[in-house]
Amino acid sequence: MKRAPTVADLRDKGFPFECLNCGNKPTPTQVLEHGGDCECCGDTIIAYTIDTAEYIAKIIYQHG
């Protein structure tokens, strides 16, 4: 890391998806099945990992 880790960095970030509203941690398949919304409460699912960002950028580049 380019900076010292913080307590927030050490907190569990999910699978890499997590609903910040209800805490549900769906699998990638569940996220896709529900269009990016939480199956429990309907709120938007947040992704935390660099792998997810790289994958999204790759898809956008290939299809956009």
Protein backbone atom coordinates (compact mmCIF):
# COMPACT_ATOMS: atom_id res chain seq x y z
CA MET A 1 0.00 0.00 0.00
CA LYS A 2 1.08 3.55 -0.58
CA ARG A 3 -0.20 4.59 2.84
CA ALA A 4 -0.48 3.10 6.30
CA PRO A 5 -3.52 0.82 6.76
CA THR A 6 -6.44 2.15 8.79
CA VAL A 7 -9.12 0.37 10.81
CA ALA A 8 -11.49 0.80 7.86
CA ASP A 9 -9.01 -1.04 5.61
CA LEU A 10 -9.05 -4.02 7.96
CA ARG A 11 -12.85 -4.25 8.17
CA ASP A 12 -14.47 -7.14 6.28
CA LYS A 13 -15.60 -5.79 2.92
CA GLY A 14 -17.92 -8.55 1.80
CA PHE A 15 -17.69 -11.10 -0.97
CA PRO A 16 -16.70 -8.50 -2.61
CA PHE A 17 -20.26 -7.19 -2.56
CA GLU A 18 -22.15 -5.83 0.42
CA CYS A 19 -25.39 -3.95 0.94
CA LEU A 20 -24.68 -0.93 3.10
CA ASN A 21 -28.36 -0.74 4.02
CA CYS A 22 -29.02 -4.20 5.47
CA GLY A 23 -25.58 -5.88 5.48
CA ASN A 24 -26.46 -8.64 3.02
CA LYS A 25 -23.35 -10.04 1.28
CA PRO A 26 -24.55 -11.60 -1.98
CA THR A 27 -22.52 -13.67 -4.39
CA PRO A 28 -21.65 -12.15 -7.78
CA THR A 29 -24.36 -14.33 -9.35
CA GLN A 30 -26.99 -12.97 -6.95
CA VAL A 31 -25.91 -9.40 -7.74
CA LEU A 32 -26.36 -10.07 -11.46
CA GLU A 33 -29.69 -11.87 -10.97
CA HIS A 34 -31.10 -8.84 -9.14
CA GLY A 35 -29.66 -6.18 -11.46
CA GLY A 36 -27.23 -4.81 -8.88
CA ASP A 37 -29.86 -4.42 -6.18
CA CYS A 38 -30.01 -6.24 -2.84
CA GLU A 39 -32.40 -9.18 -2.92
CA CYS A 40 -33.32 -8.52 0.73
CA CYS A 41 -34.03 -4.78 0.86
CA GLY A 42 -33.72 -3.55 -2.75
CA ASP A 43 -30.92 -1.06 -2.05
CA THR A 44 -27.94 -0.81 -4.43
CA ILE A 45 -25.09 -3.25 -3.80
CA ILE A 46 -21.62 -1.76 -3.32
CA ALA A 47 -18.44 -3.47 -4.59
CA TYR A 48 -15.13 -2.86 -2.85
CA THR A 49 -12.32 -4.65 -4.63
CA ILE A 50 -9.87 -3.57 -7.30
CA ASP A 51 -10.68 -6.79 -9.15
CA THR A 52 -14.28 -5.65 -9.53
CA ALA A 53 -13.20 -2.24 -10.82
CA GLU A 54 -10.81 -3.84 -13.32
CA TYR A 55 -13.53 -6.20 -14.55
CA ILE A 56 -16.03 -3.36 -15.03
CA ALA A 57 -13.43 -1.26 -16.89
CA LYS A 58 -12.62 -4.24 -19.11
CA ILE A 59 -16.28 -4.77 -19.99
CA ILE A 60 -16.82 -1.07 -20.73
CA TYR A 61 -13.72 -0.98 -22.95
CA GLN A 62 -14.79 -4.10 -24.87
CA HIS A 63 -18.42 -3.03 -25.35
CA GLY A 64 -18.20 0.73 -25.41
